[in-house]
C-alpha atoms as a PDB file:
ATOM      1  CA  MET A   1      -2.384   7.099  -4.935  1.00  0.00           C
ATOM      2  CA  LYS A   2      -1.875   9.601  -2.742  1.00  0.00           C
ATOM      3  CA  ILE A   3      -0.844  10.116   1.402  1.00  0.00           C
ATOM      4  CA  PRO A   4      -1.791  12.428   2.548  1.00  0.00           C
ATOM      5  CA  ALA A   5      -0.752  12.235   6.137  1.00  0.00           C
ATOM      6  CA  PRO A   6       0.607   8.878   8.396  1.00  0.00           C
ATOM      7  CA  GLY A   7      -1.512   6.160   8.448  1.00  0.00           C
ATOM      8  CA  SER A   8      -3.747   7.953   6.188  1.00  0.00           C
ATOM      9  CA  TYR A   9      -4.028   7.555   1.733  1.00  0.00           C
ATOM     10  CA  GLU A  10      -5.938   8.819  -0.434  1.00  0.00           C
ATOM     11  CA  ARG A  11      -6.702   7.304  -4.120  1.00  0.00           C
ATOM     12  CA  GLY A  12      -9.803   8.424  -6.511  1.00  0.00           C
ATOM     13  CA  GLY A  13     -11.503   9.930  -3.827  1.00  0.00           C
ATOM     14  CA  LYS A  14     -11.472   7.664  -1.553  1.00  0.00           C
ATOM     15  CA  SER A  15      -9.646   7.957   1.597  1.00  0.00           C
ATOM     16  CA  GLY A  16      -8.204   5.470   4.332  1.00  0.00           C
ATOM     17  CA  LYS A  17      -6.515   4.077   6.733  1.00  0.00           C
ATOM     18  CA  TYR A  18      -2.963   2.035   6.622  1.00  0.00           C
ATOM     19  CA  ARG A  19      -0.092   0.640   9.366  1.00  0.00           C
ATOM     20  CA  VAL A  20       2.835  -0.421   8.007  1.00  0.00           C
ATOM     21  CA  GLU A  21       4.507  -3.070  10.432  1.00  0.00           C
ATOM     22  CA  PRO A  22       7.512  -4.323  10.832  1.00  0.00           C
ATOM     23  CA  SER A  23       8.261  -7.166   8.520  1.00  0.00           C
ATOM     24  CA  ARG A  24       7.348  -4.371   5.274  1.00  0.00           C
ATOM     25  CA  LYS A  25       4.247  -5.655   5.140  1.00  0.00           C
ATOM     26  CA  ILE A  26       1.693  -2.921   4.720  1.00  0.00           C
ATOM     27  CA  VAL A  27      -1.700  -3.942   6.489  1.00  0.00           C
ATOM     28  CA  PHE A  28      -4.871  -1.574   4.227  1.00  0.00           C
ATOM     29  CA  GLU A  29      -7.091  -1.157   7.212  1.00  0.00           C
ATOM     30  CA  SER A  30      -9.936   0.189   5.265  1.00  0.00           C
ATOM     31  CA  GLY A  31     -10.538   2.342   1.754  1.00  0.00           C
ATOM     32  CA  PRO A  32      -9.741   1.756  -1.436  1.00  0.00           C
ATOM     33  CA  PHE A  33      -7.087  -0.891  -1.203  1.00  0.00           C
ATOM     34  CA  ALA A  34      -8.559  -3.569   1.662  1.00  0.00           C
ATOM     35  CA  GLU A  35      -8.936  -5.812  -0.178  1.00  0.00           C
ATOM     36  CA  TYR A  36      -4.785  -5.657  -1.754  1.00  0.00           C
ATOM     37  CA  HIS A  37      -1.657  -7.256   0.409  1.00  0.00           C
ATOM     38  CA  ALA A  38       0.926  -4.600   0.057  1.00  0.00           C
ATOM     39  CA  LYS A  39       4.277  -4.691   1.311  1.00  0.00           C
ATOM     40  CA  LEU A  40       7.260  -2.725   1.084  1.00  0.00           C
ATOM     41  CA  LEU A  41       9.991  -3.499  -1.033  1.00  0.00           C
ATOM     42  CA  GLN A  42      13.200  -2.783  -1.908  1.00  0.00           C
ATOM     43  CA  GLY A  43      13.671   1.477  -2.585  1.00  0.00           C
ATOM     44  CA  PRO A  44      11.023   3.455  -2.565  1.00  0.00           C
ATOM     45  CA  LYS A  45       8.679   0.853  -4.146  1.00  0.00           C
ATOM     46  CA  ILE A  46       5.175  -0.878  -2.475  1.00  0.00           C
ATOM     47  CA  GLY A  47       4.393  -3.797  -3.914  1.00  0.00           C
ATOM     48  CA  MET A  48       0.483  -5.035  -3.865  1.00  0.00           C
ATOM     49  CA  ASN A  49      -1.352  -8.023  -5.032  1.00  0.00           C
ATOM     50  CA  LEU A  50      -5.153  -9.469  -4.242  1.00  0.00           C
ATOM     51  CA  ASN A  51      -3.240 -13.055  -3.053  1.00  0.00           C
ATOM     52  CA  GLY A  52      -0.936 -12.349  -0.609  1.00  0.00           C
ATOM     53  CA  GLY A  53       1.162 -14.798  -2.387  1.00  0.00           C
ATOM     54  CA  ASN A  54       5.583 -13.466  -2.816  1.00  0.00           C
ATOM     55  CA  PHE A  55       4.855 -12.790  -6.184  1.00  0.00           C
ATOM     56  CA  TYR A  56       3.575  -8.428  -6.226  1.00  0.00           C
ATOM     57  CA  ASN A  57       1.959  -7.776  -9.999  1.00  0.00           C
ATOM     58  CA  MET A  58       2.098  -4.217  -9.689  1.00  0.00           C
ATOM     59  CA  THR A  59       4.285  -1.840  -8.091  1.00  0.00           C
ATOM     60  CA  CYS A  60       4.521   2.141  -7.120  1.00  0.00           C
ATOM     61  CA  ASP A  61       7.326   4.239  -7.584  1.00  0.00           C
ATOM     62  CA  PRO A  62       6.774   7.456  -5.762  1.00  0.00           C
ATOM     63  CA  LYS A  63       7.001  11.301  -8.081  1.00  0.00           C
ATOM     64  CA  ARG A  64      10.128  12.453  -7.838  1.00  0.00           C
END
């Protein structure tokens, strides 16, 4: 996933919009991750899942 500008992302040649709520929840408003639930985790990571539960089975680390 690439973040080309605040509030937008790209994945696999498709783009979408997102927002981050004060609770650290990431809401994908459109695009390829629209069905996912996500949250900012400790450190520079995000966690994602499909059911909105507390277990995030996918994490993403920023490129270093």
